[in-house]
Amino acid sequence: MRWLLVFLFTAGFFGAMNAAESAGLPAGLSAGLPTGLPSGLADTLQRPAPINTEEAFHRLSTNQLIRLSALLDKDSVWNAHSDSIVGFFHSLNRGYSRDSALLWYEEGGVAGSILRAEQKIKEMPFLIATEAYNYCGDISSLDFSYNWYAWMRPTDNEDLVVGKSAKVEAVLSKVKLGKKMEFDLRHNRGEGALFLFGSPVPLDSNRTVLVPSSTLSKGRMMPGAEISLHAKDGEGSDVPWILYATGGVVKRKKCPELHQYSLIVSATIDQRDVLLEQDIAPLLMDSTSCGPVELYWFGDVLNDGKPDALFAQELSDGRLRLILMMSDGAPEGTLWRRAADWLLTECNE
């Protein structure tokens, strides 16, 4: 008798569900349910079937699907078919990987990353420094949380200058030369660095910038001097950039007095058509300068196809200043802007 009651109850229950489904009603609707059921069971059967909104390896969560559907309307962010988008997110690990990828595309994808990097560069300037022992200058301008790169000659090929990521730090000097606070600025690379470059955003990953070592120490840019900046890192521009100085020297002494001095960087095609011409002397020289600057190094730091340059400048008080001129962020119609300075001082003064 007990088995007969179970059979009749089960047949009535599934019969009611089939009748509800054939009538277009939800399977848990009270109409058609067997009468006389316990109140708890009746309430359970009247509730709609739960929808699984949790994320799994083979499906996205409801929240992720809503965010993903909004991305489909942004052709500039994702130019692909919807099935390939879902397949891409299914291929990612659950949790952080999928959510971070969604956030990256919601913030503009590649275009958004470029805009954020440009904004960060505007708000946080580039930095330069040199390896130094017993440095007593102002180190408060250095931000060691930046992405730092050491530019050096590799031991296996000293004909090149290589830019590599580095960890830069300042520690108190063990032996003092003067009465001021003295620091040792150093990095974790084995080779000595020609200079250190700090950026608020990382440079292109897995990219080593190579420039001929012949681009180093070209001497003072006295009137009449001319240097070709046609150095390439493998993807550099073929535009022949030229740096030349004009004017005259009135008095030749420790600090030469210059007359109508100009330091011009220009780009020409076939030695006829001038694409750009900029006098950078006003950006480099001031009342503290001791004669013309020296071109210390040039290359392409940010891989934008335009040369950047590092100038060394002797000051009238005997100190040395390094000035980095960069094409990134330069005003329209110009090649360079003054991007960063570094002042070297003697601690035993």
Protein backbone atom coordinates (compact mmCIF):
# COMPACT_ATOMS: atom_id res chain seq x y z
CA MET A 1 0.00 0.00 0.00
CA ARG A 2 2.85 2.41 0.83
CA TRP A 3 4.43 1.95 -2.61
CA LEU A 4 1.08 2.51 -4.28
CA LEU A 5 0.63 5.85 -2.47
CA VAL A 6 4.12 6.97 -3.49
CA PHE A 7 3.43 6.05 -7.10
CA LEU A 8 0.09 7.92 -7.17
CA PHE A 9 1.62 11.02 -5.56
CA THR A 10 4.56 11.08 -7.96
CA ALA A 11 2.34 10.57 -11.00
CA GLY A 12 0.01 13.37 -9.88
CA PHE A 13 2.89 15.76 -9.21
CA PHE A 14 4.62 15.32 -12.58
CA GLY A 15 1.27 15.29 -14.32
CA ALA A 16 0.49 18.70 -12.83
CA MET A 17 3.90 20.03 -13.92
CA ASN A 18 3.41 18.80 -17.49
CA ALA A 19 -0.06 20.32 -17.60
CA ALA A 20 1.27 23.66 -16.40
CA GLU A 21 4.07 23.63 -18.95
CA SER A 22 1.68 22.73 -21.82
CA ALA A 23 -0.57 25.62 -20.76
CA GLY A 24 2.37 28.03 -20.85
CA LEU A 25 2.43 28.37 -17.05
CA PRO A 26 5.51 28.19 -14.81
CA ALA A 27 6.22 24.72 -13.53
CA GLY A 28 5.79 25.77 -9.89
CA LEU A 29 2.33 27.39 -10.27
CA SER A 30 -0.19 26.27 -7.63
CA ALA A 31 -2.93 25.60 -10.20
CA GLY A 32 -3.00 21.87 -10.98
CA LEU A 33 -0.97 20.83 -7.96
CA PRO A 34 -2.34 17.83 -6.02
CA THR A 35 -4.53 18.84 -3.07
CA GLY A 36 -3.78 17.92 0.48
CA LEU A 37 0.00 18.42 0.26
CA PRO A 38 1.89 19.52 3.37
CA SER A 39 2.13 23.34 3.57
CA GLY A 40 5.97 23.36 3.41
CA LEU A 41 6.04 21.25 0.25
CA ALA A 42 3.32 23.31 -1.38
CA ASP A 43 5.24 26.56 -0.71
CA THR A 44 8.40 25.05 -2.15
CA LEU A 45 6.64 23.96 -5.34
CA GLN A 46 5.07 27.42 -5.79
CA ARG A 47 8.48 29.20 -5.83
CA PRO A 48 10.05 29.76 -9.25
CA ALA A 49 13.07 27.62 -10.03
CA PRO A 50 16.29 29.42 -8.94
CA ILE A 51 18.57 30.84 -11.65
CA ASN A 52 22.26 30.04 -11.20
CA THR A 53 24.03 33.41 -11.40
CA GLU A 54 27.38 32.20 -10.13
CA GLU A 55 30.47 32.11 -12.34
CA ALA A 56 31.84 28.74 -13.43
CA PHE A 57 34.59 27.55 -15.73
CA HIS A 58 32.10 27.06 -18.59
CA ARG A 59 29.89 30.14 -18.01
CA LEU A 60 30.04 33.78 -16.94
CA SER A 61 28.08 35.22 -14.06
CA THR A 62 24.98 37.34 -14.65
CA ASN A 63 26.88 40.48 -13.72
CA GLN A 64 29.69 39.64 -16.13
CA LEU A 65 27.21 38.97 -18.94
CA ILE A 66 25.51 42.34 -18.37
CA ARG A 67 28.87 44.13 -18.49
CA LEU A 68 29.90 42.14 -21.55
CA SER A 69 26.68 42.98 -23.40
CA ALA A 70 27.39 46.68 -22.82
CA LEU A 71 30.82 46.22 -24.40
CA LEU A 72 29.27 44.87 -27.61
CA ASP A 73 27.91 48.36 -28.32
CA LYS A 74 31.43 49.85 -28.22
CA ASP A 75 32.94 49.03 -31.60
CA SER A 76 35.98 51.15 -30.81
CA VAL A 77 36.73 48.99 -27.79
CA TRP A 78 36.11 45.52 -29.19
CA ASN A 79 35.80 44.92 -32.90
CA ALA A 80 34.85 41.28 -32.92
CA HIS A 81 31.87 38.92 -33.04
CA SER A 82 29.99 38.25 -29.84
CA ASP A 83 30.73 34.52 -29.91
CA SER A 84 34.47 35.19 -30.05
CA ILE A 85 34.17 37.60 -27.10
CA VAL A 86 32.43 34.99 -24.95
CA GLY A 87 34.96 32.38 -26.02
CA PHE A 88 37.80 34.70 -25.09
CA PHE A 89 36.45 35.27 -21.58
CA HIS A 90 35.73 31.55 -21.15
CA SER A 91 39.41 30.92 -21.88
CA LEU A 92 40.44 33.10 -18.92
CA ASN A 93 40.63 31.84 -15.37
CA ARG A 94 37.62 32.49 -13.18
CA GLY A 95 37.58 35.48 -10.87
CA TYR A 96 40.31 38.10 -11.10
CA SER A 97 41.44 37.32 -14.66
CA ARG A 98 37.96 37.72 -16.15
CA ASP A 99 37.01 40.75 -14.03
CA SER A 100 40.27 42.58 -14.74
CA ALA A 101 39.92 41.91 -18.49
CA LEU A 102 36.35 43.26 -18.40
CA LEU A 103 37.52 46.36 -16.53
CA TRP A 104 40.35 46.93 -19.03
CA TYR A 105 37.93 46.87 -21.96
CA GLU A 106 35.39 49.01 -20.10
CA GLU A 107 38.10 51.64 -19.64
CA GLY A 108 38.79 51.79 -23.37
CA GLY A 109 41.10 48.88 -24.12
CA VAL A 110 44.30 49.85 -25.94
CA ALA A 111 43.09 53.40 -26.65
CA GLY A 112 42.15 53.85 -23.02
CA SER A 113 45.56 52.62 -21.86
CA ILE A 114 47.29 55.14 -24.14
CA LEU A 115 45.14 57.99 -22.88
CA ARG A 116 45.78 57.06 -19.25
CA ALA A 117 49.52 56.84 -19.90
CA GLU A 118 49.55 60.25 -21.59
CA GLN A 119 47.61 61.78 -18.71
CA LYS A 120 49.98 60.23 -16.18
CA ILE A 121 52.99 61.62 -18.03
CA LYS A 122 51.44 65.10 -17.97
CA GLU A 123 50.87 64.87 -14.22
CA MET A 124 54.17 63.14 -13.33
CA PRO A 125 57.30 64.31 -15.18
CA PHE A 126 60.14 62.13 -16.42
CA LEU A 127 63.26 61.93 -14.25
CA ILE A 128 66.95 61.49 -14.96
CA ALA A 129 69.87 60.79 -12.64
CA THR A 130 73.35 59.32 -12.70
CA GLU A 131 75.11 56.77 -10.59
CA ALA A 132 76.85 58.80 -7.92
CA TYR A 133 78.79 58.23 -4.74
CA ASN A 134 78.84 60.89 -2.05
CA TYR A 135 76.11 62.85 -3.81
CA CYS A 136 75.06 65.85 -1.72
CA GLY A 137 72.47 67.36 -4.04
CA ASP A 138 68.71 67.33 -3.59
CA ILE A 139 67.36 63.78 -3.91
CA SER A 140 63.82 64.74 -2.90
CA SER A 141 63.01 65.20 -6.59
CA LEU A 142 63.66 61.50 -7.27
CA ASP A 143 60.74 59.09 -7.00
CA PHE A 144 62.06 55.56 -6.52
CA SER A 145 58.60 54.08 -7.17
CA TYR A 146 58.99 55.09 -10.82
CA ASN A 147 59.88 52.64 -13.58
CA TRP A 148 63.66 53.12 -13.82
CA TYR A 149 65.93 52.17 -16.71
CA ALA A 150 69.73 52.07 -16.76
CA TRP A 151 71.41 53.01 -20.04
CA MET A 152 74.76 51.26 -20.35
CA ARG A 153 77.25 49.59 -22.66
CA PRO A 154 76.74 45.80 -22.44
CA THR A 155 79.88 43.85 -21.65
CA ASP A 156 79.37 41.55 -24.65
CA ASN A 157 79.05 44.43 -27.15
CA GLU A 158 80.48 47.78 -26.13
CA ASP A 159 79.66 49.26 -29.54
CA LEU A 160 76.05 49.66 -28.41
CA VAL A 161 74.20 51.50 -25.65
CA VAL A 162 71.40 49.42 -24.12
CA GLY A 163 68.47 50.55 -21.98
CA LYS A 164 67.41 47.98 -19.37
CA SER A 165 64.95 48.11 -16.48
CA ALA A 166 66.66 48.62 -13.14
CA LYS A 167 65.98 49.08 -9.45
CA VAL A 168 67.39 52.41 -8.28
CA GLU A 169 67.97 53.35 -4.65
CA ALA A 170 69.71 55.98 -2.54
CA VAL A 171 71.62 55.00 0.62
CA LEU A 172 73.64 57.08 3.04
CA SER A 173 77.31 57.19 2.11
CA LYS A 174 79.56 55.26 4.46
CA VAL A 175 82.36 57.81 4.17
CA LYS A 176 81.53 61.53 4.15
CA LEU A 177 83.51 64.09 2.18
CA GLY A 178 81.83 67.21 3.54
CA LYS A 179 79.40 68.51 6.12
CA LYS A 180 76.19 67.93 4.11
CA MET A 181 74.04 64.82 3.88
CA GLU A 182 75.69 62.53 1.31
CA PHE A 183 74.09 59.66 -0.56
CA ASP A 184 75.17 56.89 -2.90
CA LEU A 185 72.83 56.51 -5.87
CA ARG A 186 73.06 53.03 -7.32
CA HIS A 187 71.16 50.39 -9.28
CA ASN A 188 71.04 46.60 -9.36
CA ARG A 189 72.59 46.09 -12.80
CA GLY A 190 76.12 44.74 -12.95
CA GLU A 191 77.42 47.23 -15.51
CA GLY A 192 77.93 50.91 -14.84
CA ALA A 193 75.18 53.17 -16.24
CA LEU A 194 75.79 56.19 -18.43
CA PHE A 195 72.58 57.65 -16.98
CA LEU A 196 69.33 56.56 -15.32
CA PHE A 197 65.90 57.32 -16.74
CA GLY A 198 62.74 57.30 -14.61
CA SER A 199 59.27 57.09 -16.14
CA PRO A 200 55.83 57.17 -14.45
CA VAL A 201 54.67 54.56 -16.97
CA PRO A 202 56.56 51.43 -18.07
CA LEU A 203 58.26 51.41 -21.43
CA ASP A 204 57.26 48.82 -24.01
CA SER A 205 57.68 45.39 -22.45
CA ASN A 206 60.53 43.15 -23.61
CA ARG A 207 62.05 45.97 -25.64
CA THR A 208 65.75 46.74 -25.49
CA VAL A 209 66.66 50.04 -27.11
CA LEU A 210 69.93 49.87 -29.02
CA VAL A 211 71.84 52.86 -30.34
CA PRO A 212 75.44 53.04 -31.55
CA SER A 213 77.92 54.05 -28.87
CA SER A 214 79.26 56.57 -31.39
CA THR A 215 76.31 58.74 -30.37
CA LEU A 216 78.08 59.52 -27.08
CA SER A 217 79.99 62.68 -26.14
CA LYS A 218 79.98 64.73 -29.33
CA GLY A 219 81.63 67.70 -27.62
CA ARG A 220 80.46 71.27 -27.16
CA MET A 221 78.12 72.67 -29.75
CA MET A 222 80.30 75.65 -30.68
CA PRO A 223 79.16 77.86 -33.59
CA GLY A 224 79.69 75.96 -36.82
CA ALA A 225 79.29 72.48 -35.26
CA GLU A 226 76.88 70.07 -36.96
CA ILE A 227 75.79 66.57 -35.93
CA SER A 228 73.51 64.05 -37.62
CA LEU A 229 70.93 62.50 -35.28
CA HIS A 230 70.22 59.69 -37.68
CA ALA A 231 70.44 56.82 -35.17
CA LYS A 232 67.96 53.94 -35.31
CA ASP A 233 66.96 51.28 -32.80
CA GLY A 234 65.57 48.92 -35.44
CA GLU A 235 62.26 50.76 -35.79
CA GLY A 236 63.51 54.33 -35.91
CA SER A 237 62.49 56.97 -38.40
CA ASP A 238 64.38 57.47 -41.67
CA VAL A 239 63.97 61.25 -41.41
CA PRO A 240 67.51 62.78 -41.32
CA TRP A 241 67.46 64.98 -38.22
CA ILE A 242 70.33 67.48 -37.98
CA LEU A 243 71.58 69.50 -35.00
CA TYR A 244 73.75 72.53 -35.78
CA ALA A 245 74.92 75.72 -34.06
CA THR A 246 75.18 79.22 -35.51
CA GLY A 247 76.45 82.54 -34.18
CA GLY A 248 79.85 83.67 -32.98
CA VAL A 249 82.21 83.71 -30.01
CA VAL A 250 83.00 87.22 -28.78
CA LYS A 251 85.55 86.29 -26.09
CA ARG A 252 87.18 82.93 -25.64
CA LYS A 253 87.86 82.30 -21.97
CA LYS A 254 86.69 79.83 -19.33
CA CYS A 255 83.07 80.70 -20.11
CA PRO A 256 82.96 81.72 -23.80
CA GLU A 257 80.79 84.75 -24.52
CA LEU A 258 78.49 83.98 -27.41
CA HIS A 259 76.93 86.40 -29.86
CA GLN A 260 73.58 85.70 -31.57
CA TYR A 261 73.95 82.04 -30.72
CA SER A 262 71.37 79.51 -31.96
CA LEU A 263 71.23 75.74 -31.59
CA ILE A 264 68.89 74.43 -34.24
CA VAL A 265 67.43 70.97 -34.76
CA SER A 266 65.86 70.42 -38.17
CA ALA A 267 64.55 67.71 -40.45
CA THR A 268 64.83 67.89 -44.23
CA ILE A 269 63.99 65.63 -47.13
CA ASP A 270 66.44 65.41 -50.04
CA GLN A 271 68.26 68.40 -48.51
CA ARG A 272 65.49 70.65 -49.86
CA ASP A 273 62.18 70.39 -48.07
CA VAL A 274 62.38 71.47 -44.42
CA LEU A 275 59.85 69.51 -42.38
CA LEU A 276 60.64 71.13 -39.04
CA GLU A 277 63.12 73.61 -37.59
CA GLN A 278 63.45 74.53 -33.92
CA ASP A 279 65.95 76.70 -32.07
CA ILE A 280 66.46 74.95 -28.72
CA ALA A 281 69.10 77.36 -27.33
CA PRO A 282 66.47 79.33 -25.31
CA LEU A 283 65.33 76.05 -23.72
CA LEU A 284 68.85 75.04 -22.69
CA MET A 285 70.81 78.16 -21.84
CA ASP A 286 70.29 80.82 -19.20
CA SER A 287 72.33 83.25 -17.11
CA THR A 288 74.00 80.41 -15.19
CA SER A 289 75.33 78.69 -18.33
CA CYS A 290 79.04 78.62 -19.05
CA GLY A 291 79.25 78.57 -22.83
CA PRO A 292 77.50 76.15 -25.21
CA VAL A 293 76.09 72.80 -24.13
CA GLU A 294 77.62 69.44 -24.98
CA LEU A 295 75.62 66.73 -26.73
CA TYR A 296 76.20 63.78 -24.41
CA TRP A 297 73.84 61.17 -25.91
CA PHE A 298 70.98 60.81 -28.36
CA GLY A 299 68.61 57.97 -29.19
CA ASP A 300 64.91 57.08 -29.05
CA VAL A 301 63.77 56.52 -25.47
CA LEU A 302 60.03 55.96 -26.00
CA ASN A 303 60.31 54.34 -29.43
CA ASP A 304 58.18 56.98 -31.17
CA GLY A 305 60.48 57.20 -34.20
CA LYS A 306 61.89 60.61 -33.23
CA PRO A 307 65.27 61.24 -31.57
CA ASP A 308 65.69 62.30 -27.95
CA ALA A 309 68.88 63.91 -26.64
CA LEU A 310 70.77 64.36 -23.38
CA PHE A 311 72.89 67.50 -23.05
CA ALA A 312 75.64 68.21 -20.52
CA GLN A 313 75.98 71.83 -19.45
CA GLU A 314 78.73 73.41 -17.40
CA LEU A 315 77.52 76.16 -15.08
CA SER A 316 79.37 79.32 -14.17
CA ASP A 317 79.87 78.08 -10.57
CA GLY A 318 81.59 74.90 -11.76
CA ARG A 319 78.69 72.49 -11.33
CA LEU A 320 77.46 70.21 -14.12
CA ARG A 321 73.83 69.92 -15.24
CA LEU A 322 72.30 67.22 -17.44
CA ILE A 323 69.24 68.20 -19.50
CA LEU A 324 67.03 65.64 -21.22
CA MET A 325 65.23 66.88 -24.34
CA MET A 326 62.39 64.62 -25.49
CA SER A 327 59.99 64.53 -28.41
CA ASP A 328 57.18 63.06 -26.32
CA GLY A 329 54.82 65.83 -25.25
CA ALA A 330 56.59 68.51 -27.31
CA PRO A 331 54.35 71.39 -28.47
CA GLU A 332 52.99 71.22 -32.00
CA GLY A 333 55.49 72.38 -34.59
CA THR A 334 58.51 71.48 -32.43
CA LEU A 335 60.64 68.39 -31.96
CA TRP A 336 61.77 68.70 -28.36
CA ARG A 337 60.74 69.93 -24.95
CA ARG A 338 62.86 70.17 -21.82
CA ALA A 339 61.72 67.04 -20.02
CA ALA A 340 64.11 66.56 -17.07
CA ASP A 341 67.21 68.00 -15.35
CA TRP A 342 69.88 66.54 -13.08
CA LEU A 343 72.42 68.66 -11.21
CA LEU A 344 75.78 67.25 -10.10
CA THR A 345 77.50 68.96 -7.18
CA GLU A 346 80.77 68.51 -5.30
CA CYS A 347 80.38 67.52 -1.67
CA ASN A 348 83.84 68.63 -0.56
CA GLU A 349 83.23 72.29 -1.36
